[in-house]
């Protein structure tokens, strides 16, 4: 599948009062397998040149992802499945930037919650960038409970939180899952910033 079958956007969730800040450009892409799309993907980055790239569903094993090179970026942090195929998350960051990894491995469970995060300081702002993937067939309540635990552990008012990824929740219509996720995010002063479709399927 080509890049047109993938899901891409520039923001997940961010503190509402900081929506106007543009100190850091973050790019999210659902790859649905990156191995044969690396050149095409790097071309898509040419005009945008984000400082941080969050990838979901890269479909790489640990020994494979460490050998993948994106021009002018370094692999910041990642999660790779050990048992099942597909899924996975990773964050790449400009090779000129310093950052620190936030270890969330204990929260990861294949299909239910695949997550990685890093912290980056830009001027006087501390950004905590979290990349998330939840399989459509994953346990939603496990995902929600563990995400709440992570936010409880990490949350502080002096940091700007950005969550991006593929939650496999249709935001184009009201649903119980959408309501529960939004209620959780609002409780941490986080709000959805992507209000347009990020994946469109053609009806046969």
N, C-alpha and C. Protein backbone atom coordinates (compact mmCIF):
# COMPACT_ATOMS: atom_id res chain seq x y z
N UNK A 1 0.83 -1.20 0.00
CA UNK A 1 0.00 0.00 0.00
C UNK A 1 0.86 1.25 0.00
N UNK A 2 0.41 2.28 -0.69
CA UNK A 2 1.16 3.52 -0.75
C UNK A 2 0.84 4.42 0.41
N UNK A 3 1.46 5.59 0.41
CA UNK A 3 1.27 6.53 1.51
C UNK A 3 -0.17 7.04 1.58
N UNK A 4 -0.89 7.03 0.47
CA UNK A 4 -2.26 7.52 0.49
C UNK A 4 -3.18 6.68 1.34
N UNK A 5 -2.74 5.47 1.67
CA UNK A 5 -3.54 4.60 2.52
C UNK A 5 -3.24 4.82 3.99
N UNK A 6 -2.32 5.71 4.27
CA UNK A 6 -1.88 5.93 5.64
C UNK A 6 -2.58 7.12 6.27
N UNK A 7 -2.38 7.23 7.57
CA UNK A 7 -3.03 8.27 8.36
C UNK A 7 -1.96 9.26 8.81
N UNK A 8 -2.11 10.54 8.44
CA UNK A 8 -1.10 11.51 8.84
C UNK A 8 -1.74 12.79 9.35
N UNK A 9 -1.11 13.38 10.32
CA UNK A 9 -1.56 14.67 10.85
C UNK A 9 -0.44 15.28 11.67
N UNK A 10 -0.63 16.54 12.07
CA UNK A 10 0.45 17.25 12.74
C UNK A 10 0.31 17.40 14.22
N UNK A 11 -0.84 17.11 14.79
CA UNK A 11 -0.97 17.23 16.24
C UNK A 11 -1.93 16.19 16.78
N UNK A 12 -1.68 15.75 17.98
CA UNK A 12 -2.62 14.88 18.68
C UNK A 12 -3.39 15.74 19.65
N UNK A 13 -3.03 15.72 20.92
CA UNK A 13 -3.69 16.56 21.91
C UNK A 13 -2.66 17.44 22.60
N UNK A 14 -3.07 18.65 22.94
CA UNK A 14 -2.14 19.60 23.54
C UNK A 14 -2.90 20.45 24.55
N UNK A 15 -2.22 21.00 25.53
CA UNK A 15 -2.88 21.91 26.46
C UNK A 15 -3.62 22.98 25.68
N UNK A 16 -4.88 23.19 25.98
CA UNK A 16 -5.69 24.12 25.21
C UNK A 16 -5.12 25.52 25.22
N UNK A 17 -4.62 25.96 26.37
CA UNK A 17 -4.12 27.33 26.46
C UNK A 17 -2.84 27.54 25.68
N UNK A 18 -2.22 26.44 25.22
CA UNK A 18 -0.98 26.56 24.49
C UNK A 18 -1.14 26.25 23.00
N UNK A 19 -2.39 26.16 22.54
CA UNK A 19 -2.64 25.80 21.15
C UNK A 19 -1.97 26.75 20.16
N UNK A 20 -1.78 27.99 20.54
CA UNK A 20 -1.24 28.97 19.60
C UNK A 20 0.28 28.92 19.51
N UNK A 21 0.93 28.18 20.36
CA UNK A 21 2.39 28.13 20.36
C UNK A 21 2.87 27.25 19.21
N UNK A 22 3.91 27.73 18.53
CA UNK A 22 4.43 27.00 17.38
C UNK A 22 5.93 26.81 17.53
N UNK A 23 6.36 26.57 18.74
CA UNK A 23 7.78 26.42 18.98
C UNK A 23 8.32 25.07 18.54
N UNK A 24 7.43 24.10 18.37
CA UNK A 24 7.84 22.75 18.05
C UNK A 24 6.86 22.15 17.05
N UNK A 25 7.39 21.63 15.94
CA UNK A 25 6.55 21.00 14.92
C UNK A 25 6.63 19.49 15.06
N UNK A 26 5.48 18.87 15.23
CA UNK A 26 5.41 17.42 15.45
C UNK A 26 4.54 16.80 14.37
N UNK A 27 5.05 15.75 13.76
CA UNK A 27 4.38 15.10 12.63
C UNK A 27 4.03 13.67 13.02
N UNK A 28 2.77 13.30 12.83
CA UNK A 28 2.37 11.92 13.08
C UNK A 28 1.96 11.25 11.78
N UNK A 29 2.39 9.99 11.63
CA UNK A 29 2.01 9.20 10.46
C UNK A 29 1.74 7.77 10.88
N UNK A 30 0.58 7.26 10.48
CA UNK A 30 0.32 5.83 10.62
C UNK A 30 0.85 5.17 9.35
N UNK A 31 1.92 4.37 9.50
CA UNK A 31 2.64 3.86 8.34
C UNK A 31 2.02 2.62 7.73
N UNK A 32 1.41 1.80 8.56
CA UNK A 32 0.90 0.49 8.11
C UNK A 32 2.03 -0.28 7.41
N UNK A 33 3.20 -0.21 8.03
CA UNK A 33 4.39 -0.87 7.50
C UNK A 33 5.30 0.14 6.81
N UNK A 34 6.47 0.39 7.40
CA UNK A 34 7.36 1.42 6.87
C UNK A 34 8.44 0.88 5.95
N UNK A 35 8.71 -0.41 6.01
CA UNK A 35 9.92 -0.98 5.40
C UNK A 35 10.06 -0.61 3.92
N UNK A 36 8.98 -0.70 3.15
CA UNK A 36 9.06 -0.42 1.71
C UNK A 36 8.60 1.01 1.37
N UNK A 37 8.48 1.88 2.39
CA UNK A 37 7.96 3.22 2.16
C UNK A 37 8.92 4.32 2.63
N UNK A 38 10.13 3.94 2.99
CA UNK A 38 11.05 4.90 3.61
C UNK A 38 11.36 6.08 2.69
N UNK A 39 11.70 5.80 1.44
CA UNK A 39 12.05 6.88 0.50
C UNK A 39 10.84 7.78 0.26
N UNK A 40 9.69 7.18 0.02
CA UNK A 40 8.47 7.94 -0.21
C UNK A 40 8.11 8.79 1.00
N UNK A 41 8.30 8.22 2.18
CA UNK A 41 7.99 8.95 3.40
C UNK A 41 8.91 10.15 3.58
N UNK A 42 10.20 9.96 3.33
CA UNK A 42 11.14 11.07 3.48
C UNK A 42 10.85 12.19 2.49
N UNK A 43 10.38 11.86 1.31
CA UNK A 43 9.98 12.89 0.34
C UNK A 43 8.82 13.71 0.89
N UNK A 44 7.88 13.03 1.57
CA UNK A 44 6.72 13.73 2.13
C UNK A 44 7.11 14.70 3.24
N UNK A 45 8.28 14.48 3.84
CA UNK A 45 8.75 15.34 4.92
C UNK A 45 9.47 16.59 4.42
N UNK A 46 9.80 16.60 3.14
CA UNK A 46 10.70 17.63 2.61
C UNK A 46 10.18 19.05 2.86
N UNK A 47 8.91 19.30 2.59
CA UNK A 47 8.36 20.65 2.74
C UNK A 47 8.02 21.00 4.19
N UNK A 48 7.75 19.97 5.00
CA UNK A 48 7.30 20.21 6.37
C UNK A 48 8.45 20.35 7.36
N UNK A 49 9.43 19.49 7.23
CA UNK A 49 10.62 19.50 8.08
C UNK A 49 10.29 19.62 9.56
N UNK A 50 9.52 18.68 10.11
CA UNK A 50 9.19 18.72 11.54
C UNK A 50 10.42 18.40 12.39
N UNK A 51 10.40 18.85 13.63
CA UNK A 51 11.49 18.49 14.54
C UNK A 51 11.30 17.10 15.12
N UNK A 52 10.03 16.69 15.25
CA UNK A 52 9.72 15.40 15.85
C UNK A 52 8.75 14.64 14.94
N UNK A 53 9.02 13.33 14.75
CA UNK A 53 8.16 12.48 13.94
C UNK A 53 7.67 11.32 14.80
N UNK A 54 6.36 11.17 14.90
CA UNK A 54 5.76 10.05 15.63
C UNK A 54 5.16 9.07 14.63
N UNK A 55 5.58 7.82 14.70
CA UNK A 55 5.09 6.81 13.77
C UNK A 55 4.32 5.72 14.50
N UNK A 56 3.19 5.34 13.95
CA UNK A 56 2.44 4.19 14.47
C UNK A 56 2.37 3.12 13.38
N UNK A 57 2.24 1.89 13.81
CA UNK A 57 2.18 0.73 12.91
C UNK A 57 3.37 0.68 11.95
N UNK A 58 4.58 0.81 12.50
CA UNK A 58 5.75 0.69 11.62
C UNK A 58 6.05 -0.76 11.27
N UNK A 59 5.55 -1.72 12.07
CA UNK A 59 5.63 -3.16 11.78
C UNK A 59 7.06 -3.71 11.79
N UNK A 60 7.94 -3.09 12.56
CA UNK A 60 9.33 -3.55 12.60
C UNK A 60 9.65 -4.22 13.94
N UNK A 61 10.51 -5.21 13.89
CA UNK A 61 11.03 -5.83 15.10
C UNK A 61 12.18 -4.98 15.64
N UNK A 62 12.59 -5.26 16.88
CA UNK A 62 13.63 -4.46 17.51
C UNK A 62 14.91 -4.43 16.68
N UNK A 63 15.33 -5.58 16.16
CA UNK A 63 16.57 -5.64 15.38
C UNK A 63 16.44 -4.93 14.04
N UNK A 64 15.22 -4.74 13.57
CA UNK A 64 15.00 -4.05 12.30
C UNK A 64 14.93 -2.53 12.47
N UNK A 65 14.25 -2.08 13.50
CA UNK A 65 14.03 -0.63 13.65
C UNK A 65 15.33 0.11 13.94
N UNK A 66 16.26 -0.54 14.60
CA UNK A 66 17.53 0.13 14.90
C UNK A 66 18.42 0.27 13.66
N UNK A 67 18.05 -0.41 12.58
CA UNK A 67 18.84 -0.31 11.34
C UNK A 67 18.18 0.62 10.32
N UNK A 68 16.98 1.12 10.64
CA UNK A 68 16.28 2.05 9.74
C UNK A 68 16.80 3.47 9.97
N UNK A 69 17.19 4.13 8.89
CA UNK A 69 17.71 5.49 9.01
C UNK A 69 16.82 6.47 8.26
N UNK A 70 16.40 7.52 8.95
CA UNK A 70 15.69 8.63 8.33
C UNK A 70 16.65 9.80 8.27
N UNK A 71 16.86 10.35 7.09
CA UNK A 71 17.84 11.42 6.89
C UNK A 71 17.57 12.60 7.81
N UNK A 72 18.59 13.01 8.57
CA UNK A 72 18.58 14.15 9.49
C UNK A 72 17.78 13.89 10.78
N UNK A 73 17.40 12.63 11.01
CA UNK A 73 16.68 12.27 12.23
C UNK A 73 17.37 11.09 12.92
N UNK A 74 17.18 11.04 14.24
CA UNK A 74 17.67 9.90 15.00
C UNK A 74 16.49 9.24 15.70
N UNK A 75 16.59 7.95 15.93
CA UNK A 75 15.55 7.21 16.63
C UNK A 75 15.59 7.58 18.10
N UNK A 76 14.53 8.22 18.58
CA UNK A 76 14.50 8.65 19.98
C UNK A 76 14.06 7.55 20.91
N UNK A 77 12.90 6.97 20.65
CA UNK A 77 12.37 5.92 21.50
C UNK A 77 11.35 5.12 20.70
N UNK A 78 11.05 3.91 21.16
CA UNK A 78 10.16 3.05 20.38
C UNK A 78 9.62 1.89 21.21
N UNK A 79 8.58 1.26 20.68
CA UNK A 79 8.09 -0.02 21.19
C UNK A 79 7.85 -0.94 20.00
N UNK A 80 8.40 -2.16 20.09
CA UNK A 80 8.20 -3.17 19.05
C UNK A 80 7.55 -4.41 19.66
N UNK A 81 6.59 -4.97 18.96
CA UNK A 81 5.95 -6.19 19.42
C UNK A 81 6.94 -7.36 19.39
N UNK A 82 6.78 -8.25 20.35
CA UNK A 82 7.64 -9.43 20.44
C UNK A 82 6.91 -10.70 19.98
N UNK A 83 5.59 -10.70 20.09
CA UNK A 83 4.82 -11.91 19.79
C UNK A 83 3.97 -11.78 18.54
N UNK A 84 3.17 -10.73 18.47
CA UNK A 84 2.23 -10.56 17.37
C UNK A 84 2.85 -9.75 16.22
N UNK A 85 2.23 -9.86 15.06
CA UNK A 85 2.67 -9.08 13.91
C UNK A 85 1.96 -7.73 13.90
N UNK A 86 2.55 -6.77 13.16
CA UNK A 86 1.92 -5.46 13.00
C UNK A 86 2.14 -4.56 14.19
N UNK A 87 1.33 -3.47 14.24
CA UNK A 87 1.39 -2.55 15.37
C UNK A 87 2.71 -1.79 15.49
N UNK A 88 3.06 -1.42 16.72
CA UNK A 88 4.31 -0.76 17.08
C UNK A 88 4.23 0.77 16.99
N UNK A 89 5.10 1.42 17.76
CA UNK A 89 5.20 2.88 17.77
C UNK A 89 6.67 3.31 17.86
N UNK A 90 6.96 4.50 17.37
CA UNK A 90 8.32 5.04 17.49
C UNK A 90 8.28 6.56 17.37
N UNK A 91 9.29 7.19 17.94
CA UNK A 91 9.44 8.64 17.82
C UNK A 91 10.85 8.94 17.32
N UNK A 92 10.92 9.68 16.23
CA UNK A 92 12.19 10.16 15.70
C UNK A 92 12.29 11.66 15.99
N UNK A 93 13.52 12.13 16.18
CA UNK A 93 13.73 13.53 16.51
C UNK A 93 14.93 14.06 15.72
N UNK A 94 14.90 15.34 15.40
CA UNK A 94 16.00 15.94 14.65
C UNK A 94 17.34 15.60 15.29
N UNK A 95 18.30 15.27 14.46
CA UNK A 95 19.61 14.85 14.98
C UNK A 95 20.34 15.97 15.71
N UNK A 96 19.86 17.20 15.58
CA UNK A 96 20.52 18.33 16.22
C UNK A 96 19.92 18.66 17.59
N UNK A 97 18.86 17.95 17.98
CA UNK A 97 18.16 18.28 19.22
C UNK A 97 18.49 17.30 20.35
N UNK A 98 18.51 17.81 21.56
CA UNK A 98 18.69 16.99 22.74
C UNK A 98 17.32 16.66 23.33
N UNK A 99 17.22 15.54 24.00
CA UNK A 99 15.95 15.09 24.57
C UNK A 99 16.23 14.05 25.64
N UNK A 100 15.20 13.66 26.36
CA UNK A 100 15.33 12.56 27.32
C UNK A 100 14.17 11.59 27.10
N UNK A 101 14.45 10.31 27.27
CA UNK A 101 13.44 9.26 27.06
C UNK A 101 12.62 9.08 28.34
N UNK A 102 11.33 8.91 28.18
CA UNK A 102 10.45 8.54 29.28
C UNK A 102 10.10 7.07 29.11
N UNK A 103 10.53 6.25 30.02
CA UNK A 103 10.34 4.80 29.89
C UNK A 103 8.93 4.39 30.30
N UNK A 104 8.13 3.95 29.32
CA UNK A 104 6.76 3.53 29.58
C UNK A 104 6.55 2.05 29.25
N UNK A 105 7.65 1.31 29.18
CA UNK A 105 7.59 -0.09 28.76
C UNK A 105 6.67 -0.93 29.64
N UNK A 106 6.61 -0.63 30.94
CA UNK A 106 5.79 -1.43 31.85
C UNK A 106 4.30 -1.32 31.55
N UNK A 107 3.92 -0.27 30.82
CA UNK A 107 2.50 -0.08 30.49
C UNK A 107 2.12 -0.73 29.16
N UNK A 108 3.10 -1.14 28.40
CA UNK A 108 2.83 -1.63 27.06
C UNK A 108 2.24 -3.05 27.08
N UNK A 109 1.22 -3.25 26.30
CA UNK A 109 0.63 -4.56 26.08
C UNK A 109 0.20 -4.63 24.63
N UNK A 110 0.74 -5.59 23.92
CA UNK A 110 0.49 -5.69 22.49
C UNK A 110 -1.01 -5.67 22.18
N UNK A 111 -1.35 -4.85 21.21
CA UNK A 111 -2.71 -4.60 20.73
C UNK A 111 -3.50 -3.65 21.64
N UNK A 112 -3.40 -3.82 22.97
CA UNK A 112 -4.20 -3.00 23.89
C UNK A 112 -3.64 -1.59 24.04
N UNK A 113 -2.35 -1.47 24.26
CA UNK A 113 -1.70 -0.17 24.41
C UNK A 113 -0.23 -0.29 24.08
N UNK A 114 0.17 0.30 22.98
CA UNK A 114 1.56 0.35 22.56
C UNK A 114 1.96 1.82 22.59
N UNK A 115 2.97 2.15 23.38
CA UNK A 115 3.22 3.55 23.71
C UNK A 115 4.70 3.82 23.94
N UNK A 116 5.14 5.00 23.57
CA UNK A 116 6.49 5.46 23.89
C UNK A 116 6.43 6.97 24.04
N UNK A 117 7.44 7.55 24.72
CA UNK A 117 7.39 8.98 25.00
C UNK A 117 8.79 9.54 25.21
N UNK A 118 8.91 10.82 24.96
CA UNK A 118 10.15 11.52 25.28
C UNK A 118 9.83 12.94 25.74
N UNK A 119 10.82 13.57 26.36
CA UNK A 119 10.69 14.93 26.87
C UNK A 119 11.68 15.82 26.13
N UNK A 120 11.19 16.98 25.70
CA UNK A 120 12.02 17.93 24.96
C UNK A 120 11.78 19.34 25.47
N UNK A 121 12.84 20.03 25.80
CA UNK A 121 12.71 21.42 26.25
C UNK A 121 12.97 22.35 25.07
N UNK A 122 12.02 23.28 24.85
CA UNK A 122 12.16 24.28 23.79
C UNK A 122 12.00 25.64 24.43
N UNK A 123 13.08 26.42 24.41
CA UNK A 123 13.10 27.70 25.11
C UNK A 123 12.72 27.47 26.58
N UNK A 124 11.62 28.04 27.05
CA UNK A 124 11.22 27.87 28.44
C UNK A 124 10.13 26.81 28.61
N UNK A 125 9.79 26.11 27.53
CA UNK A 125 8.69 25.14 27.57
C UNK A 125 9.20 23.71 27.63
N UNK A 126 8.62 22.91 28.53
CA UNK A 126 8.91 21.48 28.60
C UNK A 126 7.80 20.71 27.88
N UNK A 127 8.14 20.07 26.77
CA UNK A 127 7.19 19.27 26.03
C UNK A 127 7.33 17.80 26.39
N UNK A 128 6.22 17.15 26.67
CA UNK A 128 6.20 15.70 26.83
C UNK A 128 5.40 15.15 25.66
N UNK A 129 6.08 14.41 24.78
CA UNK A 129 5.47 13.92 23.54
C UNK A 129 5.24 12.42 23.67
N UNK A 130 4.00 12.01 23.51
CA UNK A 130 3.61 10.62 23.70
C UNK A 130 3.01 10.09 22.41
N UNK A 131 3.52 8.97 21.93
CA UNK A 131 3.02 8.33 20.72
C UNK A 131 2.31 7.03 21.11
N UNK A 132 1.07 6.85 20.63
CA UNK A 132 0.22 5.75 21.07
C UNK A 132 -0.38 4.99 19.89
N UNK A 133 -0.43 3.69 20.03
CA UNK A 133 -1.22 2.87 19.09
C UNK A 133 -2.07 1.90 19.88
N UNK A 134 -3.36 1.83 19.51
CA UNK A 134 -4.27 0.83 20.05
C UNK A 134 -4.93 0.10 18.89
N UNK A 135 -4.81 -1.22 18.88
CA UNK A 135 -5.42 -2.01 17.82
C UNK A 135 -6.93 -1.94 17.90
N UNK A 136 -7.57 -2.01 16.77
CA UNK A 136 -9.03 -2.00 16.71
C UNK A 136 -9.62 -3.15 17.52
N UNK A 137 -8.89 -4.26 17.61
CA UNK A 137 -9.36 -5.43 18.35
C UNK A 137 -8.78 -5.51 19.76
N UNK A 138 -8.08 -4.44 20.19
CA UNK A 138 -7.52 -4.42 21.53
C UNK A 138 -8.58 -4.18 22.59
N UNK A 139 -8.22 -4.44 23.83
CA UNK A 139 -9.12 -4.24 24.97
C UNK A 139 -9.18 -2.75 25.29
N UNK A 140 -10.30 -2.12 24.98
CA UNK A 140 -10.40 -0.67 25.14
C UNK A 140 -10.31 -0.24 26.59
N UNK A 141 -10.94 -0.96 27.50
CA UNK A 141 -10.91 -0.55 28.90
C UNK A 141 -9.51 -0.68 29.49
N UNK A 142 -8.76 -1.67 29.06
CA UNK A 142 -7.36 -1.78 29.49
C UNK A 142 -6.58 -0.57 28.98
N UNK A 143 -6.78 -0.22 27.73
CA UNK A 143 -6.14 0.95 27.13
C UNK A 143 -6.44 2.21 27.94
N UNK A 144 -7.70 2.40 28.27
CA UNK A 144 -8.12 3.61 28.97
C UNK A 144 -7.55 3.66 30.39
N UNK A 145 -7.60 2.52 31.08
CA UNK A 145 -7.10 2.46 32.46
C UNK A 145 -5.60 2.72 32.53
N UNK A 146 -4.85 2.10 31.62
CA UNK A 146 -3.40 2.29 31.62
C UNK A 146 -3.00 3.70 31.18
N UNK A 147 -3.74 4.25 30.23
CA UNK A 147 -3.46 5.63 29.81
C UNK A 147 -3.69 6.60 30.98
N UNK A 148 -4.73 6.36 31.75
CA UNK A 148 -4.98 7.19 32.93
C UNK A 148 -3.83 7.06 33.93
N UNK A 149 -3.33 5.85 34.12
CA UNK A 149 -2.20 5.65 35.04
C UNK A 149 -0.97 6.41 34.57
N UNK A 150 -0.71 6.37 33.27
CA UNK A 150 0.44 7.07 32.71
C UNK A 150 0.31 8.58 32.92
N UNK A 151 -0.86 9.11 32.63
CA UNK A 151 -1.07 10.55 32.80
C UNK A 151 -0.98 10.96 34.26
N UNK A 152 -1.47 10.11 35.14
CA UNK A 152 -1.34 10.39 36.58
C UNK A 152 0.12 10.44 37.01
N UNK A 153 0.93 9.55 36.45
CA UNK A 153 2.34 9.49 36.80
C UNK A 153 3.13 10.68 36.24
N UNK A 154 2.78 11.11 35.04
CA UNK A 154 3.58 12.10 34.36
C UNK A 154 3.07 13.53 34.46
N UNK A 155 1.79 13.67 34.70
CA UNK A 155 1.16 14.98 34.54
C UNK A 155 1.68 16.01 35.56
N UNK A 156 1.98 17.19 35.04
CA UNK A 156 2.26 18.35 35.88
C UNK A 156 1.94 19.59 35.06
N UNK A 157 1.57 20.64 35.72
CA UNK A 157 1.10 21.84 35.03
C UNK A 157 2.21 22.64 34.38
N UNK A 158 3.46 22.29 34.65
CA UNK A 158 4.57 23.04 34.06
C UNK A 158 5.00 22.47 32.72
N UNK A 159 4.41 21.36 32.30
CA UNK A 159 4.77 20.74 31.03
C UNK A 159 3.62 20.82 30.04
N UNK A 160 3.97 20.85 28.77
CA UNK A 160 2.99 20.82 27.69
C UNK A 160 2.92 19.40 27.17
N UNK A 161 1.78 18.77 27.32
CA UNK A 161 1.59 17.38 26.91
C UNK A 161 1.04 17.33 25.48
N UNK A 162 1.64 16.48 24.67
CA UNK A 162 1.14 16.24 23.31
C UNK A 162 1.00 14.73 23.12
N UNK A 163 -0.24 14.30 22.89
CA UNK A 163 -0.53 12.90 22.62
C UNK A 163 -0.87 12.78 21.14
N UNK A 164 -0.21 11.87 20.45
CA UNK A 164 -0.58 11.62 19.06
C UNK A 164 -0.49 10.14 18.79
N UNK A 165 -1.20 9.71 17.76
CA UNK A 165 -1.18 8.30 17.43
C UNK A 165 -2.48 7.86 16.81
N UNK A 166 -2.69 6.57 16.84
CA UNK A 166 -3.89 5.96 16.27
C UNK A 166 -4.60 5.21 17.39
N UNK A 167 -5.70 5.78 17.85
CA UNK A 167 -6.47 5.17 18.94
C UNK A 167 -7.55 4.23 18.41
N UNK A 168 -7.74 4.22 17.09
CA UNK A 168 -8.80 3.44 16.45
C UNK A 168 -10.17 3.73 17.05
N UNK A 169 -10.45 5.03 17.17
CA UNK A 169 -11.76 5.51 17.60
C UNK A 169 -12.25 6.49 16.54
N UNK A 170 -13.44 6.26 16.03
CA UNK A 170 -14.00 7.10 14.98
C UNK A 170 -14.50 8.41 15.60
N UNK A 171 -13.75 9.50 15.38
CA UNK A 171 -14.15 10.80 15.91
C UNK A 171 -15.19 11.49 15.04
N UNK A 172 -15.56 10.84 13.94
CA UNK A 172 -16.56 11.43 13.07
C UNK A 172 -17.98 11.20 13.56
N UNK A 173 -18.14 10.40 14.60
CA UNK A 173 -19.48 10.16 15.15
C UNK A 173 -19.37 9.96 16.65
N UNK A 174 -20.46 10.23 17.34
CA UNK A 174 -20.48 10.06 18.79
C UNK A 174 -20.53 8.58 19.14
N UNK A 175 -19.77 8.21 20.16
CA UNK A 175 -19.77 6.83 20.62
C UNK A 175 -19.36 6.80 22.08
N UNK A 176 -19.63 5.68 22.73
CA UNK A 176 -19.26 5.54 24.15
C UNK A 176 -17.74 5.60 24.32
N UNK A 177 -16.99 4.99 23.41
CA UNK A 177 -15.54 5.01 23.51
C UNK A 177 -15.00 6.43 23.34
N UNK A 178 -15.54 7.14 22.39
CA UNK A 178 -15.11 8.53 22.19
C UNK A 178 -15.41 9.36 23.43
N UNK A 179 -16.57 9.18 24.00
CA UNK A 179 -16.95 9.93 25.20
C UNK A 179 -16.01 9.63 26.37
N UNK A 180 -15.70 8.34 26.58
CA UNK A 180 -14.82 7.97 27.69
C UNK A 180 -13.41 8.53 27.51
N UNK A 181 -12.88 8.45 26.28
CA UNK A 181 -11.54 8.97 26.04
C UNK A 181 -11.50 10.48 26.21
N UNK A 182 -12.48 11.18 25.66
CA UNK A 182 -12.49 12.63 25.79
C UNK A 182 -12.65 13.06 27.24
N UNK A 183 -13.45 12.32 28.00
CA UNK A 183 -13.63 12.64 29.42
C UNK A 183 -12.32 12.49 30.17
N UNK A 184 -11.56 11.44 29.84
CA UNK A 184 -10.26 11.24 30.48
C UNK A 184 -9.31 12.37 30.13
N UNK A 185 -9.23 12.72 28.86
CA UNK A 185 -8.31 13.78 28.43
C UNK A 185 -8.66 15.11 29.07
N UNK A 186 -9.94 15.45 29.10
CA UNK A 186 -10.37 16.72 29.68
C UNK A 186 -10.00 16.80 31.16
N UNK A 187 -10.04 15.66 31.84
CA UNK A 187 -9.69 15.66 33.27
C UNK A 187 -8.23 16.03 33.50
N UNK A 188 -7.41 15.92 32.45
CA UNK A 188 -6.00 16.34 32.54
C UNK A 188 -5.76 17.62 31.73
N UNK A 189 -6.84 18.31 31.42
CA UNK A 189 -6.76 19.56 30.65
C UNK A 189 -6.16 19.34 29.27
N UNK A 190 -6.50 18.21 28.67
CA UNK A 190 -6.07 17.88 27.32
C UNK A 190 -7.28 17.85 26.40
N UNK A 191 -7.10 18.37 25.18
CA UNK A 191 -8.22 18.49 24.26
C UNK A 191 -7.80 18.04 22.87
N UNK A 192 -8.71 17.41 22.16
CA UNK A 192 -8.42 16.95 20.81
C UNK A 192 -8.27 18.14 19.88
N UNK A 193 -7.25 18.12 19.03
CA UNK A 193 -7.02 19.20 18.08
C UNK A 193 -7.26 18.76 16.64
N UNK A 194 -7.41 17.46 16.42
CA UNK A 194 -7.65 16.95 15.07
C UNK A 194 -9.14 16.70 14.91
N UNK A 195 -9.79 17.53 14.11
CA UNK A 195 -11.24 17.45 13.96
C UNK A 195 -11.65 17.02 12.55
N UNK A 196 -10.67 16.63 11.73
CA UNK A 196 -10.96 16.23 10.36
C UNK A 196 -10.62 14.75 10.18
N UNK A 197 -11.19 14.09 9.16
CA UNK A 197 -10.88 12.67 8.94
C UNK A 197 -9.40 12.48 8.60
N UNK A 198 -8.75 11.52 9.23
CA UNK A 198 -7.35 11.23 8.93
C UNK A 198 -7.19 9.95 8.13
N UNK A 199 -8.27 9.23 7.93
CA UNK A 199 -8.24 8.05 7.07
C UNK A 199 -9.59 7.93 6.39
N UNK A 200 -9.59 7.86 5.07
CA UNK A 200 -10.84 7.80 4.30
C UNK A 200 -10.82 6.54 3.45
N UNK A 201 -11.89 5.75 3.56
CA UNK A 201 -12.01 4.53 2.80
C UNK A 201 -13.00 4.72 1.67
N UNK A 202 -12.69 4.16 0.51
CA UNK A 202 -13.60 4.19 -0.62
C UNK A 202 -14.61 3.07 -0.50
N UNK A 203 -15.88 3.41 -0.70
CA UNK A 203 -16.92 2.40 -0.66
C UNK A 203 -16.92 1.63 -1.96
N UNK A 204 -17.00 0.31 -1.86
CA UNK A 204 -17.00 -0.54 -3.06
C UNK A 204 -18.41 -0.64 -3.63
